[in-house]
Amino acid sequence: AHPSNHASIRMLAPFFLFQDDSRSLPGFRRFWNDLGDYGAI
């Protein structure tokens, strides 16, 4: 998600434990986790 897209960030954040800068799409934030973490989330 683009860091200025606050709506997308609010939508994605509850599903992902980690965020960092996207390497494949410069200027965007990458949200990620392992599916095994989904139960904890």
PDB file of all heavy atoms in Angstrom:
ATOM      1  N   ALA A   1       0.861  -1.183   0.000  1.00  0.00           N
ATOM      2  CA  ALA A   1       0.000   0.000   0.000  1.00  0.00           C
ATOM      3  C   ALA A   1       0.898   1.234   0.000  1.00  0.00           C
ATOM      4  O   ALA A   1       1.990   1.223   0.581  1.00  0.00           O
ATOM      5  CB  ALA A   1      -0.905   0.023   1.222  1.00  0.00           C
ATOM      6  N   HIS A   2       0.436   2.276  -0.655  1.00  0.00           N
ATOM      7  CA  HIS A   2       1.157   3.543  -0.638  1.00  0.00           C
ATOM      8  C   HIS A   2       1.048   4.132   0.770  1.00  0.00           C
ATOM      9  O   HIS A   2      -0.020   4.067   1.386  1.00  0.00           O
ATOM     10  CB  HIS A   2       0.554   4.502  -1.672  1.00  0.00           C
ATOM     11  CG  HIS A   2       1.406   5.687  -1.922  1.00  0.00           C
ATOM     12  ND1 HIS A   2       1.369   6.798  -1.107  1.00  0.00           N
ATOM     13  CD2 HIS A   2       2.337   5.935  -2.873  1.00  0.00           C
ATOM     14  CE1 HIS A   2       2.225   7.694  -1.554  1.00  0.00           C
ATOM     15  NE2 HIS A   2       2.837   7.195  -2.623  1.00  0.00           N
ATOM     16  N   PRO A   3       2.125   4.702   1.309  1.00  0.00           N
ATOM     17  CA  PRO A   3       2.063   5.229   2.676  1.00  0.00           C
ATOM     18  C   PRO A   3       1.027   6.345   2.874  1.00  0.00           C
ATOM     19  O   PRO A   3       0.590   6.583   3.997  1.00  0.00           O
ATOM     20  CB  PRO A   3       3.481   5.736   2.948  1.00  0.00           C
ATOM     21  CG  PRO A   3       4.226   5.655   1.676  1.00  0.00           C
ATOM     22  CD  PRO A   3       3.449   4.812   0.720  1.00  0.00           C
ATOM     23  N   SER A   4       0.606   6.991   1.807  1.00  0.00           N
ATOM     24  CA  SER A   4      -0.428   8.029   1.922  1.00  0.00           C
ATOM     25  C   SER A   4      -1.839   7.463   1.815  1.00  0.00           C
ATOM     26  O   SER A   4      -2.811   8.194   2.007  1.00  0.00           O
ATOM     27  CB  SER A   4      -0.229   9.088   0.836  1.00  0.00           C
ATOM     28  OG  SER A   4       1.007   9.726   1.011  1.00  0.00           O
ATOM     29  N   ASN A   5      -1.955   6.182   1.492  1.00  0.00           N
ATOM     30  CA  ASN A   5      -3.274   5.557   1.359  1.00  0.00           C
ATOM     31  C   ASN A   5      -3.703   5.036   2.736  1.00  0.00           C
ATOM     32  O   ASN A   5      -3.642   3.852   3.037  1.00  0.00           O
ATOM     33  CB  ASN A   5      -3.223   4.435   0.324  1.00  0.00           C
ATOM     34  CG  ASN A   5      -4.583   3.905  -0.019  1.00  0.00           C
ATOM     35  OD1 ASN A   5      -5.542   4.104   0.707  1.00  0.00           O
ATOM     36  ND2 ASN A   5      -4.675   3.198  -1.131  1.00  0.00           N
ATOM     37  N   HIS A   6      -4.144   5.947   3.564  1.00  0.00           N
ATOM     38  CA  HIS A   6      -4.469   5.619   4.953  1.00  0.00           C
ATOM     39  C   HIS A   6      -5.601   4.601   5.063  1.00  0.00           C
ATOM     40  O   HIS A   6      -5.595   3.770   5.971  1.00  0.00           O
ATOM     41  CB  HIS A   6      -4.800   6.898   5.726  1.00  0.00           C
ATOM     42  CG  HIS A   6      -3.672   7.888   5.712  1.00  0.00           C
ATOM     43  ND1 HIS A   6      -2.473   7.667   6.339  1.00  0.00           N
ATOM     44  CD2 HIS A   6      -3.555   9.086   5.100  1.00  0.00           C
ATOM     45  CE1 HIS A   6      -1.662   8.683   6.139  1.00  0.00           C
ATOM     46  NE2 HIS A   6      -2.293   9.569   5.391  1.00  0.00           N
ATOM     47  N   ALA A   7      -6.558   4.657   4.155  1.00  0.00           N
ATOM     48  CA  ALA A   7      -7.667   3.697   4.199  1.00  0.00           C
ATOM     49  C   ALA A   7      -7.161   2.267   3.992  1.00  0.00           C
ATOM     50  O   ALA A   7      -7.556   1.345   4.709  1.00  0.00           O
ATOM     51  CB  ALA A   7      -8.727   4.054   3.157  1.00  0.00           C
ATOM     52  N   SER A   8      -6.281   2.082   3.014  1.00  0.00           N
ATOM     53  CA  SER A   8      -5.729   0.739   2.773  1.00  0.00           C
ATOM     54  C   SER A   8      -4.884   0.269   3.951  1.00  0.00           C
ATOM     55  O   SER A   8      -4.941  -0.897   4.343  1.00  0.00           O
ATOM     56  CB  SER A   8      -4.891   0.722   1.493  1.00  0.00           C
ATOM     57  OG  SER A   8      -5.726   0.811   0.376  1.00  0.00           O
ATOM     58  N   ILE A   9      -4.124   1.169   4.507  1.00  0.00           N
ATOM     59  CA  ILE A   9      -3.289   0.805   5.651  1.00  0.00           C
ATOM     60  C   ILE A   9      -4.159   0.373   6.827  1.00  0.00           C
ATOM     61  O   ILE A   9      -3.876  -0.642   7.475  1.00  0.00           O
ATOM     62  CB  ILE A   9      -2.343   1.965   6.018  1.00  0.00           C
ATOM     63  CG1 ILE A   9      -1.289   2.110   4.905  1.00  0.00           C
ATOM     64  CG2 ILE A   9      -1.690   1.747   7.384  1.00  0.00           C
ATOM     65  CD1 ILE A   9      -0.450   3.358   4.988  1.00  0.00           C
ATOM     66  N   ARG A  10      -5.249   1.103   7.096  1.00  0.00           N
ATOM     67  CA  ARG A  10      -6.172   0.719   8.174  1.00  0.00           C
ATOM     68  C   ARG A  10      -6.798  -0.650   7.903  1.00  0.00           C
ATOM     69  O   ARG A  10      -7.016  -1.437   8.823  1.00  0.00           O
ATOM     70  CB  ARG A  10      -7.282   1.760   8.329  1.00  0.00           C
ATOM     71  CG  ARG A  10      -6.927   2.943   9.179  1.00  0.00           C
ATOM     72  CD  ARG A  10      -8.142   3.791   9.535  1.00  0.00           C
ATOM     73  NE  ARG A  10      -8.923   4.197   8.388  1.00  0.00           N
ATOM     74  CZ  ARG A  10      -8.702   5.291   7.651  1.00  0.00           C
ATOM     75  NH1 ARG A  10      -7.695   6.087   7.950  1.00  0.00           N
ATOM     76  NH2 ARG A  10      -9.463   5.585   6.637  1.00  0.00           N
ATOM     77  N   MET A  11      -7.090  -0.928   6.635  1.00  0.00           N
ATOM     78  CA  MET A  11      -7.704  -2.200   6.280  1.00  0.00           C
ATOM     79  C   MET A  11      -6.702  -3.350   6.427  1.00  0.00           C
ATOM     80  O   MET A  11      -7.041  -4.417   6.932  1.00  0.00           O
ATOM     81  CB  MET A  11      -8.233  -2.144   4.840  1.00  0.00           C
ATOM     82  CG  MET A  11      -8.826  -3.439   4.348  1.00  0.00           C
ATOM     83  SD  MET A  11      -9.365  -3.334   2.630  1.00  0.00           S
ATOM     84  CE  MET A  11      -7.842  -2.964   1.774  1.00  0.00           C
ATOM     85  N   LEU A  12      -5.466  -3.151   5.980  1.00  0.00           N
ATOM     86  CA  LEU A  12      -4.470  -4.223   5.974  1.00  0.00           C
ATOM     87  C   LEU A  12      -3.855  -4.506   7.346  1.00  0.00           C
ATOM     88  O   LEU A  12      -3.575  -5.663   7.682  1.00  0.00           O
ATOM     89  CB  LEU A  12      -3.348  -3.881   4.986  1.00  0.00           C
ATOM     90  CG  LEU A  12      -3.727  -3.843   3.509  1.00  0.00           C
ATOM     91  CD1 LEU A  12      -2.581  -3.259   2.689  1.00  0.00           C
ATOM     92  CD2 LEU A  12      -4.098  -5.225   3.004  1.00  0.00           C
ATOM     93  N   ALA A  13      -3.628  -3.472   8.128  1.00  0.00           N
ATOM     94  CA  ALA A  13      -2.854  -3.607   9.365  1.00  0.00           C
ATOM     95  C   ALA A  13      -3.336  -4.718  10.307  1.00  0.00           C
ATOM     96  O   ALA A  13      -2.498  -5.441  10.857  1.00  0.00           O
ATOM     97  CB  ALA A  13      -2.792  -2.264  10.093  1.00  0.00           C
ATOM     98  N   PRO A  14      -4.633  -4.927  10.505  1.00  0.00           N
ATOM     99  CA  PRO A  14      -5.045  -5.995  11.433  1.00  0.00           C
ATOM    100  C   PRO A  14      -4.693  -7.411  10.960  1.00  0.00           C
ATOM    101  O   PRO A  14      -4.711  -8.348  11.752  1.00  0.00           O
ATOM    102  CB  PRO A  14      -6.572  -5.841  11.511  1.00  0.00           C
ATOM    103  CG  PRO A  14      -6.854  -4.456  11.076  1.00  0.00           C
ATOM    104  CD  PRO A  14      -5.785  -4.125  10.081  1.00  0.00           C
ATOM    105  N   PHE A  15      -4.356  -7.566   9.698  1.00  0.00           N
ATOM    106  CA  PHE A  15      -4.091  -8.898   9.148  1.00  0.00           C
ATOM    107  C   PHE A  15      -2.606  -9.222   9.032  1.00  0.00           C
ATOM    108  O   PHE A  15      -2.244 -10.348   8.712  1.00  0.00           O
ATOM    109  CB  PHE A  15      -4.746  -9.030   7.769  1.00  0.00           C
ATOM    110  CG  PHE A  15      -6.243  -9.011   7.847  1.00  0.00           C
ATOM    111  CD1 PHE A  15      -6.933  -7.807   7.777  1.00  0.00           C
ATOM    112  CD2 PHE A  15      -6.959 -10.173   8.025  1.00  0.00           C
ATOM    113  CE1 PHE A  15      -8.318  -7.781   7.868  1.00  0.00           C
ATOM    114  CE2 PHE A  15      -8.336 -10.162   8.118  1.00  0.00           C
ATOM    115  CZ  PHE A  15      -9.018  -8.952   8.043  1.00  0.00           C
ATOM    116  N   PHE A  16      -1.754  -8.233   9.257  1.00  0.00           N
ATOM    117  CA  PHE A  16      -0.321  -8.418   9.040  1.00  0.00           C
ATOM    118  C   PHE A  16       0.463  -7.949  10.264  1.00  0.00           C
ATOM    119  O   PHE A  16       0.212  -6.873  10.796  1.00  0.00           O
ATOM    120  CB  PHE A  16       0.136  -7.640   7.798  1.00  0.00           C
ATOM    121  CG  PHE A  16      -0.468  -8.150   6.532  1.00  0.00           C
ATOM    122  CD1 PHE A  16      -1.660  -7.623   6.048  1.00  0.00           C
ATOM    123  CD2 PHE A  16       0.139  -9.180   5.813  1.00  0.00           C
ATOM    124  CE1 PHE A  16      -2.233  -8.104   4.868  1.00  0.00           C
ATOM    125  CE2 PHE A  16      -0.430  -9.660   4.647  1.00  0.00           C
ATOM    126  CZ  PHE A  16      -1.609  -9.128   4.178  1.00  0.00           C
ATOM    127  N   LEU A  17       1.422  -8.760  10.694  1.00  0.00           N
ATOM    128  CA  LEU A  17       2.236  -8.422  11.857  1.00  0.00           C
ATOM    129  C   LEU A  17       3.378  -7.476  11.519  1.00  0.00           C
ATOM    130  O   LEU A  17       3.850  -6.740  12.389  1.00  0.00           O
ATOM    131  CB  LEU A  17       2.827  -9.693  12.474  1.00  0.00           C
ATOM    132  CG  LEU A  17       1.840 -10.662  13.121  1.00  0.00           C
ATOM    133  CD1 LEU A  17       2.561 -11.925  13.569  1.00  0.00           C
ATOM    134  CD2 LEU A  17       1.144  -9.988  14.287  1.00  0.00           C
ATOM    135  N   PHE A  18       3.844  -7.497  10.269  1.00  0.00           N
ATOM    136  CA  PHE A  18       5.061  -6.772   9.922  1.00  0.00           C
ATOM    137  C   PHE A  18       4.827  -5.805   8.761  1.00  0.00           C
ATOM    138  O   PHE A  18       4.005  -6.064   7.884  1.00  0.00           O
ATOM    139  CB  PHE A  18       6.167  -7.760   9.524  1.00  0.00           C
ATOM    140  CG  PHE A  18       6.400  -8.827  10.551  1.00  0.00           C
ATOM    141  CD1 PHE A  18       5.941 -10.116  10.342  1.00  0.00           C
ATOM    142  CD2 PHE A  18       7.057  -8.540  11.744  1.00  0.00           C
ATOM    143  CE1 PHE A  18       6.134 -11.107  11.295  1.00  0.00           C
ATOM    144  CE2 PHE A  18       7.251  -9.527  12.698  1.00  0.00           C
ATOM    145  CZ  PHE A  18       6.795 -10.813  12.466  1.00  0.00           C
ATOM    146  N   GLN A  19       5.598  -4.705   8.784  1.00  0.00           N
ATOM    147  CA  GLN A  19       5.609  -3.740   7.685  1.00  0.00           C
ATOM    148  C   GLN A  19       7.053  -3.347   7.415  1.00  0.00           C
ATOM    149  O   GLN A  19       7.852  -3.232   8.342  1.00  0.00           O
ATOM    150  CB  GLN A  19       4.869  -2.458   8.050  1.00  0.00           C
ATOM    151  CG  GLN A  19       3.403  -2.560   8.214  1.00  0.00           C
ATOM    152  CD  GLN A  19       2.805  -1.183   8.490  1.00  0.00           C
ATOM    153  OE1 GLN A  19       3.214  -0.193   7.901  1.00  0.00           O
ATOM    154  NE2 GLN A  19       1.842  -1.138   9.394  1.00  0.00           N
ATOM    155  N   ASP A  20       7.357  -3.128   6.140  1.00  0.00           N
ATOM    156  CA  ASP A  20       8.655  -2.561   5.770  1.00  0.00           C
ATOM    157  C   ASP A  20       8.517  -1.915   4.397  1.00  0.00           C
ATOM    158  O   ASP A  20       7.422  -1.880   3.833  1.00  0.00           O
ATOM    159  CB  ASP A  20       9.770  -3.618   5.805  1.00  0.00           C
ATOM    160  CG  ASP A  20       9.541  -4.816   4.900  1.00  0.00           C
ATOM    161  OD1 ASP A  20       8.697  -4.744   3.982  1.00  0.00           O
ATOM    162  OD2 ASP A  20      10.206  -5.845   5.106  1.00  0.00           O
ATOM    163  N   ASP A  21       9.598  -1.385   3.874  1.00  0.00           N
ATOM    164  CA  ASP A  21       9.560  -0.779   2.550  1.00  0.00           C
ATOM    165  C   ASP A  21       9.551  -1.877   1.491  1.00  0.00           C
ATOM    166  O   ASP A  21      10.318  -2.839   1.585  1.00  0.00           O
ATOM    167  CB  ASP A  21      10.770   0.139   2.332  1.00  0.00           C
ATOM    168  CG  ASP A  21      10.717   1.368   3.220  1.00  0.00           C
ATOM    169  OD1 ASP A  21       9.606   1.847   3.510  1.00  0.00           O
ATOM    170  OD2 ASP A  21      11.792   1.849   3.629  1.00  0.00           O
ATOM    171  N   SER A  22       8.700  -1.716   0.503  1.00  0.00           N
ATOM    172  CA  SER A  22       8.618  -2.694  -0.579  1.00  0.00           C
ATOM    173  C   SER A  22       9.844  -2.571  -1.477  1.00  0.00           C
ATOM    174  O   SER A  22      10.186  -1.479  -1.918  1.00  0.00           O
ATOM    175  CB  SER A  22       7.349  -2.444  -1.407  1.00  0.00           C
ATOM    176  OG  SER A  22       7.346  -3.270  -2.549  1.00  0.00           O
ATOM    177  N   ARG A  23      10.476  -3.695  -1.739  1.00  0.00           N
ATOM    178  CA  ARG A  23      11.613  -3.697  -2.672  1.00  0.00           C
ATOM    179  C   ARG A  23      11.126  -3.739  -4.112  1.00  0.00           C
ATOM    180  O   ARG A  23      11.746  -3.183  -5.003  1.00  0.00           O
ATOM    181  CB  ARG A  23      12.515  -4.897  -2.398  1.00  0.00           C
ATOM    182  CG  ARG A  23      13.262  -4.764  -1.117  1.00  0.00           C
ATOM    183  CD  ARG A  23      14.235  -5.925  -0.918  1.00  0.00           C
ATOM    184  NE  ARG A  23      14.345  -6.147   0.509  1.00  0.00           N
ATOM    185  CZ  ARG A  23      14.269  -7.319   1.083  1.00  0.00           C
ATOM    186  NH1 ARG A  23      14.113  -8.403   0.382  1.00  0.00           N
ATOM    187  NH2 ARG A  23      14.370  -7.428   2.391  1.00  0.00           N
ATOM    188  N   SER A  24       9.993  -4.401  -4.345  1.00  0.00           N
ATOM    189  CA  SER A  24       9.499  -4.561  -5.710  1.00  0.00           C
ATOM    190  C   SER A  24       8.717  -3.345  -6.200  1.00  0.00           C
ATOM    191  O   SER A  24       8.564  -3.156  -7.400  1.00  0.00           O
ATOM    192  CB  SER A  24       8.630  -5.817  -5.817  1.00  0.00           C
ATOM    193  OG  SER A  24       7.509  -5.705  -4.961  1.00  0.00           O
ATOM    194  N   LEU A  25       8.224  -2.512  -5.282  1.00  0.00           N
ATOM    195  CA  LEU A  25       7.449  -1.331  -5.653  1.00  0.00           C
ATOM    196  C   LEU A  25       7.959  -0.157  -4.805  1.00  0.00           C
ATOM    197  O   LEU A  25       7.394   0.155  -3.754  1.00  0.00           O
ATOM    198  CB  LEU A  25       5.957  -1.596  -5.420  1.00  0.00           C
ATOM    199  CG  LEU A  25       4.944  -0.752  -6.160  1.00  0.00           C
ATOM    200  CD1 LEU A  25       5.173  -0.768  -7.676  1.00  0.00           C
ATOM    201  CD2 LEU A  25       3.537  -1.230  -5.862  1.00  0.00           C
ATOM    202  N   PRO A  26       9.049   0.480  -5.249  1.00  0.00           N
ATOM    203  CA  PRO A  26       9.656   1.557  -4.457  1.00  0.00           C
ATOM    204  C   PRO A  26       8.640   2.645  -4.103  1.00  0.00           C
ATOM    205  O   PRO A  26       7.789   3.014  -4.908  1.00  0.00           O
ATOM    206  CB  PRO A  26      10.746   2.113  -5.375  1.00  0.00           C
ATOM    207  CG  PRO A  26      11.075   0.974  -6.294  1.00  0.00           C
ATOM    208  CD  PRO A  26       9.771   0.234  -6.493  1.00  0.00           C
ATOM    209  N   GLY A  27       8.729   3.123  -2.867  1.00  0.00           N
ATOM    210  CA  GLY A  27       7.822   4.155  -2.393  1.00  0.00           C
ATOM    211  C   GLY A  27       6.566   3.598  -1.741  1.00  0.00           C
ATOM    212  O   GLY A  27       5.747   4.358  -1.229  1.00  0.00           O
ATOM    213  N   PHE A  28       6.395   2.292  -1.752  1.00  0.00           N
ATOM    214  CA  PHE A  28       5.226   1.649  -1.151  1.00  0.00           C
ATOM    215  C   PHE A  28       5.642   0.896   0.102  1.00  0.00           C
ATOM    216  O   PHE A  28       6.804   0.535   0.272  1.00  0.00           O
ATOM    217  CB  PHE A  28       4.562   0.687  -2.144  1.00  0.00           C
ATOM    218  CG  PHE A  28       3.737   1.370  -3.183  1.00  0.00           C
ATOM    219  CD1 PHE A  28       4.329   2.113  -4.191  1.00  0.00           C
ATOM    220  CD2 PHE A  28       2.355   1.295  -3.154  1.00  0.00           C
ATOM    221  CE1 PHE A  28       3.571   2.759  -5.148  1.00  0.00           C
ATOM    222  CE2 PHE A  28       1.578   1.935  -4.114  1.00  0.00           C
ATOM    223  CZ  PHE A  28       2.194   2.671  -5.113  1.00  0.00           C
ATOM    224  N   ARG A  29       4.682   0.643   0.981  1.00  0.00           N
ATOM    225  CA  ARG A  29       4.894  -0.160   2.174  1.00  0.00           C
ATOM    226  C   ARG A  29       4.474  -1.597   1.880  1.00  0.00           C
ATOM    227  O   ARG A  29       3.477  -1.828   1.210  1.00  0.00           O
ATOM    228  CB  ARG A  29       4.065   0.356   3.354  1.00  0.00           C
ATOM    229  CG  ARG A  29       4.431   1.728   3.827  1.00  0.00           C
ATOM    230  CD  ARG A  29       5.797   1.816   4.449  1.00  0.00           C
ATOM    231  NE  ARG A  29       5.859   1.101   5.720  1.00  0.00           N
ATOM    232  CZ  ARG A  29       6.999   0.766   6.307  1.00  0.00           C
ATOM    233  NH1 ARG A  29       8.159   1.061   5.748  1.00  0.00           N
ATOM    234  NH2 ARG A  29       6.994   0.121   7.454  1.00  0.00           N
ATOM    235  N   ARG A  30       5.241  -2.524   2.396  1.00  0.00           N
ATOM    236  CA  ARG A  30       4.918  -3.946   2.276  1.00  0.00           C
ATOM    237  C   ARG A  30       4.416  -4.422   3.634  1.00  0.00           C
ATOM    238  O   ARG A  30       5.024  -4.157   4.671  1.00  0.00           O
ATOM    239  CB  ARG A  30       6.154  -4.743   1.870  1.00  0.00           C
ATOM    240  CG  ARG A  30       5.900  -6.238   1.769  1.00  0.00           C
ATOM    241  CD  ARG A  30       7.142  -6.967   1.299  1.00  0.00           C
ATOM    242  NE  ARG A  30       8.079  -7.171   2.382  1.00  0.00           N
ATOM    243  CZ  ARG A  30       8.514  -8.365   2.798  1.00  0.00           C
ATOM    244  NH1 ARG A  30       8.126  -9.465   2.197  1.00  0.00           N
ATOM    245  NH2 ARG A  30       9.374  -8.452   3.794  1.00  0.00           N
ATOM    246  N   PHE A  31       3.287  -5.108   3.609  1.00  0.00           N
ATOM    247  CA  PHE A  31       2.717  -5.738   4.796  1.00  0.00           C
ATOM    248  C   PHE A  31       2.925  -7.231   4.619  1.00  0.00           C
ATOM    249  O   PHE A  31       2.647  -7.761   3.541  1.00  0.00           O
ATOM    250  CB  PHE A  31       1.214  -5.438   4.892  1.00  0.00           C
ATOM    251  CG  PHE A  31       0.919  -3.988   5.132  1.00  0.00           C
ATOM    252  CD1 PHE A  31       0.991  -3.075   4.097  1.00  0.00           C
ATOM    253  CD2 PHE A  31       0.575  -3.547   6.399  1.00  0.00           C
ATOM    254  CE1 PHE A  31       0.731  -1.735   4.314  1.00  0.00           C
ATOM    255  CE2 PHE A  31       0.313  -2.207   6.625  1.00  0.00           C
ATOM    256  CZ  PHE A  31       0.387  -1.298   5.580  1.00  0.00           C
ATOM    257  N   TRP A  32       3.382  -7.918   5.660  1.00  0.00           N
ATOM    258  CA  TRP A  32       3.627  -9.344   5.482  1.00  0.00           C
ATOM    259  C   TRP A  32       3.603 -10.088   6.817  1.00  0.00           C
ATOM    260  O   TRP A  32       3.756  -9.509   7.876  1.00  0.00           O
ATOM    261  CB  TRP A  32       4.947  -9.583   4.756  1.00  0.00           C
ATOM    262  CG  TRP A  32       6.157  -9.084   5.494  1.00  0.00           C
ATOM    263  CD1 TRP A  32       6.635  -7.804   5.526  1.00  0.00           C
ATOM    264  CD2 TRP A  32       7.026  -9.857   6.322  1.00  0.00           C
ATOM    265  NE1 TRP A  32       7.740  -7.739   6.321  1.00  0.00           N
ATOM    266  CE2 TRP A  32       8.017  -8.980   6.818  1.00  0.00           C
ATOM    267  CE3 TRP A  32       7.058 -11.191   6.685  1.00  0.00           C
ATOM    268  CZ2 TRP A  32       9.027  -9.412   7.656  1.00  0.00           C
ATOM    269  CZ3 TRP A  32       8.069 -11.632   7.528  1.00  0.00           C
ATOM    270  CH2 TRP A  32       9.049 -10.724   7.992  1.00  0.00           C
ATOM    271  N   ASN A  33       3.385 -11.362   6.714  1.00  0.00           N
ATOM    272  CA  ASN A  33       3.533 -12.314   7.800  1.00  0.00           C
ATOM    273  C   ASN A  33       3.378 -13.720   7.239  1.00  0.00           C
ATOM    274  O   ASN A  33       3.051 -13.902   6.071  1.00  0.00           O
ATOM    275  CB  ASN A  33       2.562 -12.071   8.958  1.00  0.00           C
ATOM    276  CG  ASN A  33       1.107 -12.061   8.569  1.00  0.00           C
ATOM    277  OD1 ASN A  33       0.555 -10.999   8.384  1.00  0.00           O
ATOM    278  ND2 ASN A  33       0.484 -13.219   8.432  1.00  0.00           N
ATOM    279  N   ASP A  34       3.632 -14.676   8.087  1.00  0.00           N
ATOM    280  CA  ASP A  34       3.464 -16.074   7.729  1.00  0.00           C
ATOM    281  C   ASP A  34       2.032 -16.466   8.044  1.00  0.00           C
ATOM    282  O   ASP A  34       1.460 -15.994   9.027  1.00  0.00           O
ATOM    283  CB  ASP A  34       4.445 -16.926   8.546  1.00  0.00           C
ATOM    284  CG  ASP A  34       4.473 -18.353   8.065  1.00  0.00           C
ATOM    285  OD1 ASP A  34       3.580 -19.118   8.470  1.00  0.00           O
ATOM    286  OD2 ASP A  34       5.372 -18.692   7.280  1.00  0.00           O
ATOM    287  N   LEU A  35       1.423 -17.312   7.228  1.00  0.00           N
ATOM    288  CA  LEU A  35       0.059 -17.762   7.513  1.00  0.00           C
ATOM    289  C   LEU A  35      -0.042 -18.417   8.879  1.00  0.00           C
ATOM    290  O   LEU A  35      -1.082 -18.377   9.516  1.00  0.00           O
ATOM    291  CB  LEU A  35      -0.430 -18.733   6.437  1.00  0.00           C
ATOM    292  CG  LEU A  35      -0.972 -18.093   5.174  1.00  0.00           C
ATOM    293  CD1 LEU A  35      -1.321 -19.166   4.146  1.00  0.00           C
ATOM    294  CD2 LEU A  35      -2.188 -17.224   5.452  1.00  0.00           C
ATOM    295  N   GLY A  36       1.050 -19.008   9.346  1.00  0.00           N
ATOM    296  CA  GLY A  36       1.042 -19.602  10.675  1.00  0.00           C
ATOM    297  C   GLY A  36       0.807 -18.567  11.763  1.00  0.00           C
ATOM    298  O   GLY A  36       0.334 -18.888  12.854  1.00  0.00           O
ATOM    299  N   ASP A  37       1.126 -17.285  11.469  1.00  0.00           N
ATOM    300  CA  ASP A  37       0.902 -16.210  12.430  1.00  0.00           C
ATOM    301  C   ASP A  37      -0.559 -15.757  12.447  1.00  0.00           C
ATOM    302  O   ASP A  37      -0.958 -15.021  13.345  1.00  0.00           O
ATOM    303  CB  ASP A  37       1.759 -14.979  12.081  1.00  0.00           C
ATOM    304  CG  ASP A  37       3.241 -15.285  12.143  1.00  0.00           C
ATOM    305  OD1 ASP A  37       3.651 -16.106  12.991  1.00  0.00           O
ATOM    306  OD2 ASP A  37       3.996 -14.690  11.355  1.00  0.00           O
ATOM    307  N   TYR A  38      -1.349 -16.186  11.475  1.00  0.00           N
ATOM    308  CA  TYR A  38      -2.710 -15.681  11.367  1.00  0.00           C
ATOM    309  C   TYR A  38      -3.553 -16.036  12.591  1.00  0.00           C
ATOM    310  O   TYR A  38      -4.341 -15.226  13.066  1.00  0.00           O
ATOM    311  CB  TYR A  38      -3.384 -16.187  10.087  1.00  0.00           C
ATOM    312  CG  TYR A  38      -4.767 -15.629   9.886  1.00  0.00           C
ATOM    313  CD1 TYR A  38      -4.969 -14.263   9.793  1.00  0.00           C
ATOM    314  CD2 TYR A  38      -5.868 -16.464   9.819  1.00  0.00           C
ATOM    315  CE1 TYR A  38      -6.238 -13.734   9.619  1.00  0.00           C
ATOM    316  CE2 TYR A  38      -7.142 -15.952   9.643  1.00  0.00           C
ATOM    317  CZ  TYR A  38      -7.321 -14.593   9.547  1.00  0.00           C
ATOM    318  OH  TYR A  38      -8.572 -14.076   9.384  1.00  0.00           O
ATOM    319  N   GLY A  39      -3.343 -17.231  13.145  1.00  0.00           N
ATOM    320  CA  GLY A  39      -4.071 -17.605  14.355  1.00  0.00           C
ATOM    321  C   GLY A  39      -3.778 -16.658  15.501  1.00  0.00           C
ATOM    322  O   GLY A  39      -4.671 -16.270  16.254  1.00  0.00           O
ATOM    323  N   ALA A  40      -2.541 -16.244  15.627  1.00  0.00           N
ATOM    324  CA  ALA A  40      -2.165 -15.293  16.694  1.00  0.00           C
ATOM    325  C   ALA A  40      -2.800 -13.929  16.440  1.00  0.00           C
ATOM    326  O   ALA A  40      -3.262 -13.272  17.370  1.00  0.00           O
ATOM    327  CB  ALA A  40      -0.650 -15.157  16.769  1.00  0.00           C
ATOM    328  N   ILE A  41      -2.859 -13.522  15.193  1.00  0.00           N
ATOM    329  CA  ILE A  41      -3.431 -12.219  14.851  1.00  0.00           C
ATOM    330  C   ILE A  41      -4.908 -12.170  15.195  1.00  0.00           C
ATOM    331  O   ILE A  41      -5.404 -11.206  15.740  1.00  0.00           O
ATOM    332  CB  ILE A  41      -3.225 -11.906  13.345  1.00  0.00           C
ATOM    333  CG1 ILE A  41      -1.746 -11.746  13.039  1.00  0.00           C
ATOM    334  CG2 ILE A  41      -3.999 -10.663  12.935  1.00  0.00           C
ATOM    335  CD1 ILE A  41      -1.430 -11.729  11.562  1.00  0.00           C
TER     336      ILE A  41
END
